[in-house]
Amino acid sequence: MLYTINTKSSIDSIKEDMASRAKEQGFGVLKEYHFKEILSSKGCPIEKDITVFEVCNPGAAQTILDTYPEVSVFLPCRISLYEIDGETILSTIGIDNIIDNFALDNEIKNYMNTIFEKVKKIMNTWQ
């Protein structure tokens, strides 16, 4: 259900390059969530540096949402960045495993798979 890659790249270098890498695939970064800072400010500190990037391809979102607003629960696309045991990990929801549970026509399913491949390309640029 998740698509995950491990990389030798540092968290800081990925944070720095995410917007440009997303742009290469037709996406923009809408927002970044730095959970370490967010939770600390709420009095619930965590040790791990976890960042989630919300990325969006506006044209793709328009195409899908005009016909299937229920898909909005998965938008924008989210890419998580964190470390486990000294290894940097990028992770996202495996949309290709989920779309079969929606009553979508095959053309939209294929389109969503194409968009998911672009999200994976963003992530794989750090491999």
Protein backbone atom coordinates (compact mmCIF):
# COMPACT_ATOMS: atom_id res chain seq x y z
CA MET A 1 0.00 0.00 0.00
CA LEU A 2 3.04 2.28 0.33
CA TYR A 3 5.70 3.00 -2.24
CA THR A 4 8.99 3.48 -0.43
CA ILE A 5 12.59 4.01 -1.47
CA ASN A 6 15.78 4.18 0.56
CA THR A 7 18.50 6.58 -0.44
CA LYS A 8 21.99 7.62 0.56
CA SER A 9 21.04 11.29 0.11
CA SER A 10 20.73 13.40 3.23
CA ILE A 11 17.41 14.66 4.50
CA ASP A 12 18.65 18.24 4.21
CA SER A 13 19.66 17.85 0.56
CA ILE A 14 16.28 16.31 -0.31
CA LYS A 15 14.43 19.12 1.48
CA GLU A 16 16.49 21.63 -0.49
CA ASP A 17 15.87 19.96 -3.86
CA MET A 18 12.27 18.72 -3.55
CA ALA A 19 10.64 21.73 -5.26
CA SER A 20 12.95 21.63 -8.28
CA ARG A 21 12.66 17.85 -8.65
CA ALA A 22 8.86 18.04 -8.41
CA LYS A 23 8.79 20.83 -11.00
CA GLU A 24 10.70 18.61 -13.46
CA GLN A 25 7.72 16.22 -13.38
CA GLY A 26 5.05 18.94 -13.66
CA PHE A 27 4.33 19.23 -9.93
CA GLY A 28 4.64 22.03 -7.44
CA VAL A 29 5.15 21.80 -3.69
CA LEU A 30 2.06 23.24 -2.05
CA LYS A 31 3.12 22.82 1.55
CA GLU A 32 5.71 21.24 3.78
CA TYR A 33 4.92 19.77 7.19
CA HIS A 34 7.90 19.58 9.53
CA PHE A 35 6.45 17.31 12.19
CA LYS A 36 9.37 17.69 14.60
CA GLU A 37 8.74 21.44 14.81
CA ILE A 38 4.94 21.21 14.66
CA LEU A 39 4.66 18.70 17.47
CA SER A 40 7.31 20.39 19.57
CA SER A 41 5.36 23.66 19.37
CA LYS A 42 2.32 21.77 20.69
CA GLY A 43 4.25 20.39 23.65
CA CYS A 44 4.58 16.91 22.12
CA PRO A 45 8.20 16.71 20.94
CA ILE A 46 9.53 13.88 18.81
CA GLU A 47 13.14 13.04 18.06
CA LYS A 48 12.77 12.06 14.41
CA ASP A 49 13.04 14.63 11.65
CA ILE A 50 9.92 13.83 9.61
CA THR A 51 8.82 16.08 6.76
CA VAL A 52 5.82 15.60 4.50
CA PHE A 53 5.66 17.42 1.18
CA GLU A 54 2.30 18.02 -0.47
CA VAL A 55 2.87 18.03 -4.23
CA CYS A 56 0.29 18.85 -6.88
CA ASN A 57 -0.03 18.70 -10.63
CA PRO A 58 -2.92 21.17 -11.10
CA GLY A 59 -3.95 19.91 -14.53
CA ALA A 60 -4.10 16.32 -13.33
CA ALA A 61 -6.06 17.34 -10.24
CA GLN A 62 -8.57 19.22 -12.38
CA THR A 63 -9.02 16.29 -14.77
CA ILE A 64 -9.65 13.82 -11.98
CA LEU A 65 -11.68 15.98 -9.59
CA ASP A 66 -14.07 17.30 -12.25
CA THR A 67 -15.48 13.79 -12.62
CA TYR A 68 -14.48 11.97 -9.42
CA PRO A 69 -14.49 14.31 -6.41
CA GLU A 70 -14.19 11.32 -4.05
CA VAL A 71 -10.56 10.93 -5.16
CA SER A 72 -9.85 14.19 -3.33
CA VAL A 73 -9.13 12.18 -0.17
CA PHE A 74 -5.79 11.26 -1.79
CA LEU A 75 -4.93 14.75 -3.01
CA PRO A 76 -2.60 16.47 -3.00
CA CYS A 77 -0.02 13.74 -3.38
CA ARG A 78 2.12 13.41 -0.27
CA ILE A 79 5.76 12.42 -0.07
CA SER A 80 7.14 11.64 3.39
CA LEU A 81 10.80 12.03 4.24
CA TYR A 82 12.42 10.56 7.36
CA GLU A 83 15.29 8.45 8.67
CA ILE A 84 15.30 5.01 10.20
CA ASP A 85 18.54 3.55 11.55
CA GLY A 86 20.61 6.17 9.74
CA GLU A 87 18.97 5.51 6.38
CA THR A 88 16.98 8.20 4.54
CA ILE A 89 13.55 7.07 3.36
CA LEU A 90 11.01 8.59 0.97
CA SER A 91 7.50 7.16 1.07
CA THR A 92 4.10 7.80 -0.50
CA ILE A 93 0.70 6.13 -0.76
CA GLY A 94 0.67 3.41 -3.42
CA ILE A 95 -2.22 4.82 -5.44
CA ASP A 96 -1.86 2.02 -7.99
CA ASN A 97 -2.94 -0.40 -5.26
CA ILE A 98 -5.90 1.72 -4.21
CA ILE A 99 -7.60 2.92 -7.39
CA ASP A 100 -9.13 -0.47 -8.13
CA ASN A 101 -11.36 0.09 -5.08
CA PHE A 102 -12.95 3.12 -6.74
CA ALA A 103 -15.63 3.00 -9.41
CA LEU A 104 -13.49 4.84 -11.98
CA ASP A 105 -13.48 4.38 -15.72
CA ASN A 106 -10.38 2.75 -17.19
CA GLU A 107 -9.23 5.96 -18.87
CA ILE A 108 -9.07 7.78 -15.51
CA LYS A 109 -7.43 4.77 -13.83
CA ASN A 110 -4.74 4.76 -16.50
CA TYR A 111 -4.31 8.52 -16.15
CA MET A 112 -3.95 8.23 -12.37
CA ASN A 113 -1.35 5.50 -12.83
CA THR A 114 0.56 7.81 -15.18
CA ILE A 115 0.50 10.57 -12.55
CA PHE A 116 1.64 8.11 -9.88
CA GLU A 117 4.58 7.11 -12.09
CA LYS A 118 5.60 10.78 -12.11
CA VAL A 119 5.44 10.94 -8.31
CA LYS A 120 7.66 7.86 -8.19
CA LYS A 121 10.07 9.56 -10.64
CA ILE A 122 10.33 12.51 -8.27
CA MET A 123 11.25 10.15 -5.45
CA ASN A 124 13.58 8.00 -7.53
CA THR A 125 15.76 10.96 -8.52
CA TRP A 126 17.53 10.43 -5.18
CA GLN A 127 18.42 6.79 -5.80
